[in-house]
Structure formats: structure tokens, C-alpha cells
Protein backbone atom coordinates (compact mmCIF):
# COMPACT_ATOMS: atom_id res chain seq x y z
CA UNK A 1 85.12 -68.93 115.35
CA UNK A 2 85.94 -65.46 114.02
CA UNK A 3 86.94 -62.95 116.71
CA UNK A 4 83.89 -60.80 115.97
CA UNK A 5 81.62 -63.76 116.83
CA UNK A 6 83.28 -64.65 120.12
CA UNK A 7 81.86 -64.32 123.58
CA UNK A 8 84.28 -63.28 126.34
CA UNK A 9 85.85 -66.32 128.00
CA UNK A 10 86.94 -64.32 131.00
CA UNK A 11 85.89 -61.06 132.60
CA UNK A 12 87.37 -59.39 135.66
CA UNK A 13 85.20 -59.16 138.74
CA UNK A 14 83.16 -56.07 139.52
CA UNK A 15 85.64 -55.32 142.29
CA UNK A 16 88.57 -55.45 139.86
CA UNK A 17 86.77 -53.11 137.45
CA UNK A 18 85.93 -50.69 140.26
CA UNK A 19 89.53 -50.71 141.45
CA UNK A 20 90.75 -50.01 137.91
CA UNK A 21 88.34 -47.08 137.51
CA UNK A 22 89.38 -45.69 140.89
CA UNK A 23 93.12 -45.80 140.25
CA UNK A 24 93.22 -44.94 136.54
CA UNK A 25 94.03 -41.38 135.54
CA UNK A 26 95.11 -41.61 131.88
CA UNK A 27 93.09 -43.30 129.13
CA UNK A 28 94.22 -43.72 125.53
CA UNK A 29 91.10 -43.99 123.37
CA UNK A 30 92.03 -45.95 120.26
CA UNK A 31 89.66 -45.11 117.43
CA UNK A 32 88.47 -41.86 119.01
CA UNK A 33 86.39 -39.99 116.45
CA UNK A 34 86.24 -36.22 116.17
CA UNK A 35 82.53 -36.55 115.32
CA UNK A 36 80.42 -35.71 118.42
CA UNK A 37 77.67 -38.18 117.46
CA UNK A 38 80.00 -41.20 117.63
CA UNK A 39 80.12 -43.43 120.70
CA UNK A 40 83.89 -43.04 121.03
CA UNK A 41 83.53 -39.27 121.19
CA UNK A 42 80.68 -39.39 123.73
CA UNK A 43 82.55 -41.83 125.97
CA UNK A 44 85.80 -39.85 125.81
CA UNK A 45 84.02 -36.56 126.52
CA UNK A 46 82.27 -38.13 129.53
CA UNK A 47 85.56 -39.49 130.88
CA UNK A 48 87.25 -36.13 130.38
CA UNK A 49 84.41 -34.45 132.28
CA UNK A 50 84.98 -36.90 135.12
CA UNK A 51 88.64 -36.11 135.63
CA UNK A 52 90.45 -38.56 133.38
CA UNK A 53 93.19 -37.46 131.01
CA UNK A 54 92.20 -38.56 127.51
CA UNK A 55 94.71 -39.33 124.79
CA UNK A 56 93.13 -39.64 121.32
CA UNK A 57 94.59 -42.34 119.05
CA UNK A 58 93.38 -42.07 115.47
CA UNK A 59 95.52 -41.65 112.32
CA UNK A 60 92.77 -39.67 110.58
CA UNK A 61 92.56 -36.70 112.95
CA UNK A 62 95.01 -34.18 114.38
CA UNK A 63 93.06 -33.20 117.47
CA UNK A 64 90.00 -34.36 119.39
CA UNK A 65 88.42 -32.73 122.44
CA UNK A 66 91.22 -30.17 122.49
CA UNK A 67 93.91 -32.85 122.73
CA UNK A 68 96.57 -33.83 120.25
CA UNK A 69 95.74 -37.09 118.50
CA UNK A 70 98.36 -39.76 117.86
CA UNK A 71 98.26 -41.91 114.75
CA UNK A 72 99.16 -45.07 116.65
CA UNK A 73 99.31 -46.18 120.28
CA UNK A 74 103.08 -46.67 119.88
CA UNK A 75 103.45 -42.89 119.34
CA UNK A 76 101.95 -41.94 122.71
CA UNK A 77 104.99 -40.73 124.70
CA UNK A 78 104.17 -42.39 128.04
CA UNK A 79 102.33 -45.43 129.42
CA UNK A 80 98.62 -45.09 130.12
CA UNK A 81 96.39 -46.67 132.72
CA UNK A 82 93.72 -47.91 130.29
CA UNK A 83 93.81 -48.52 126.54
CA UNK A 84 90.15 -48.12 125.55
CA UNK A 85 89.52 -49.75 122.17
CA UNK A 86 86.89 -48.59 119.69
CA UNK A 87 88.12 -50.66 116.75
CA UNK A 88 86.97 -53.84 115.05
CA UNK A 89 88.04 -57.10 116.70
CA UNK A 90 90.57 -57.90 113.97
CA UNK A 91 92.51 -54.74 114.93
CA UNK A 92 92.74 -55.72 118.60
CA UNK A 93 95.83 -58.01 118.55
CA UNK A 94 98.09 -55.27 117.18
CA UNK A 95 96.79 -52.78 119.75
CA UNK A 96 97.30 -55.30 122.55
CA UNK A 97 100.88 -56.00 121.43
CA UNK A 98 101.61 -52.27 121.48
CA UNK A 99 100.10 -51.93 124.97
CA UNK A 100 102.19 -54.84 126.23
CA UNK A 101 105.37 -53.39 124.75
CA UNK A 102 104.59 -49.99 126.26
CA UNK A 103 103.76 -51.47 129.67
CA UNK A 104 100.30 -49.94 129.78
CA UNK A 105 98.00 -50.95 132.63
CA UNK A 106 94.80 -52.36 131.18
CA UNK A 107 92.97 -53.17 127.96
CA UNK A 108 89.30 -52.20 127.67
CA UNK A 109 87.36 -53.43 124.63
CA UNK A 110 84.11 -51.53 124.25
CA UNK A 111 80.70 -53.14 123.72
CA UNK A 112 80.61 -55.67 120.85
CA UNK A 113 84.41 -55.96 120.83
CA UNK A 114 85.76 -59.35 121.89
CA UNK A 115 89.07 -61.01 121.05
CA UNK A 116 89.83 -63.87 123.44
CA UNK A 117 93.27 -64.71 122.02
CA UNK A 118 94.47 -61.12 122.36
CA UNK A 119 92.91 -60.93 125.82
CA UNK A 120 94.77 -64.05 126.93
CA UNK A 121 98.02 -62.61 125.57
CA UNK A 122 97.44 -59.35 127.49
CA UNK A 123 96.54 -61.14 130.73
CA UNK A 124 99.64 -63.32 130.43
CA UNK A 125 101.65 -60.09 130.21
CA UNK A 126 100.03 -58.78 133.40
CA UNK A 127 97.39 -56.45 131.97
CA UNK A 128 93.83 -56.40 133.24
CA UNK A 129 91.40 -57.01 130.35
CA UNK A 130 87.75 -56.01 130.05
CA UNK A 131 85.79 -57.03 126.95
CA UNK A 132 82.39 -56.22 125.51
CA UNK A 133 81.62 -53.57 128.13
CA UNK A 134 81.12 -49.82 127.91
CA UNK A 135 83.58 -47.86 130.01
CA UNK A 136 81.07 -45.01 130.40
CA UNK A 137 78.33 -47.35 131.67
CA UNK A 138 80.70 -49.11 134.05
CA UNK A 139 81.97 -45.77 135.38
CA UNK A 140 78.41 -44.54 135.96
CA UNK A 141 77.54 -47.79 137.76
CA UNK A 142 80.66 -47.52 139.94
CA UNK A 143 79.87 -43.90 140.84
CA UNK A 144 76.27 -44.75 141.73
CA UNK A 145 77.26 -47.74 143.85
CA UNK A 146 80.13 -46.06 145.66
CA UNK A 147 79.15 -42.41 145.71
CA UNK A 148 82.53 -41.70 144.06
CA UNK A 149 83.33 -38.14 143.06
CA UNK A 150 85.60 -39.01 140.07
């Protein structure tokens, strides 16, 4: 089955997702668009407004949301807590390998993005993996359930 047709074989528990959202501070958004009408832009802006440091990763832009954009995850000068992916499933394995090499904390594949083989590779390397879920929606849910301020 092609990666784009897969269903997630494994998802972390709600408690694991909540813990990740609570402890994370830095999020690299791979595929972050500079166009305000795009989902990646809306999600990143929301996260920025809720206290997260956003690092744009997109080879086609120089700056997004007032932050320097990096062409590739490997160029980001420090590890991040979450690598939030807004790319097609076939691009995921390369991003995951970069995150593993960099010792980043977690992989988050946005809605409609699933790649079980890459997810298994990331989990084996100790990264938490979330697939086919919107980080914005999960953050809103967590805030509503917990009364969190972040």
C-alpha cells in the first residue's frame, strides 16, 4: 500500500500527546507556507500566539511570521521539541531521518499525512510520533480539557 493510502498503525495516547504539548517549547514546521490562507501558516501562527517558538522550514521562502526560514531541517542550528510536517507522505522518511540524526523530540504528521514505516523508524530511535492529526486541534482540545494557559 502506498504511504499516502495508509492508516496509522499506532498512535500515542491522549495523555502522551498532552504531555508533549505541555513540555514542548520549540516547533519546526516543515513545509510552512508564507501564504496566510494555507493550513501550515494558520497552524504556525496559532502556535506562535500560544507561546511556542516556531522555526519555519521551507526552501522557497526566506522568512515566515517574522522568523528566518531554513531550507532544510538539517540547517536548523539546534534540536527542536516537535517536527511538525506539512509535506506529502513520500517526503516524510527523509524528514524523519534528519530529525533522528538531530536528536529532535517528536514527529508530528498533520492531518492526511501517514507514513507507518517512517513512524516505526522514528519510534525505534526514541521519538514520539503522531500521525494524521492536527496540532492546532489537539492543542485546543488539551487547553479546553485542562484549562492550560499555554
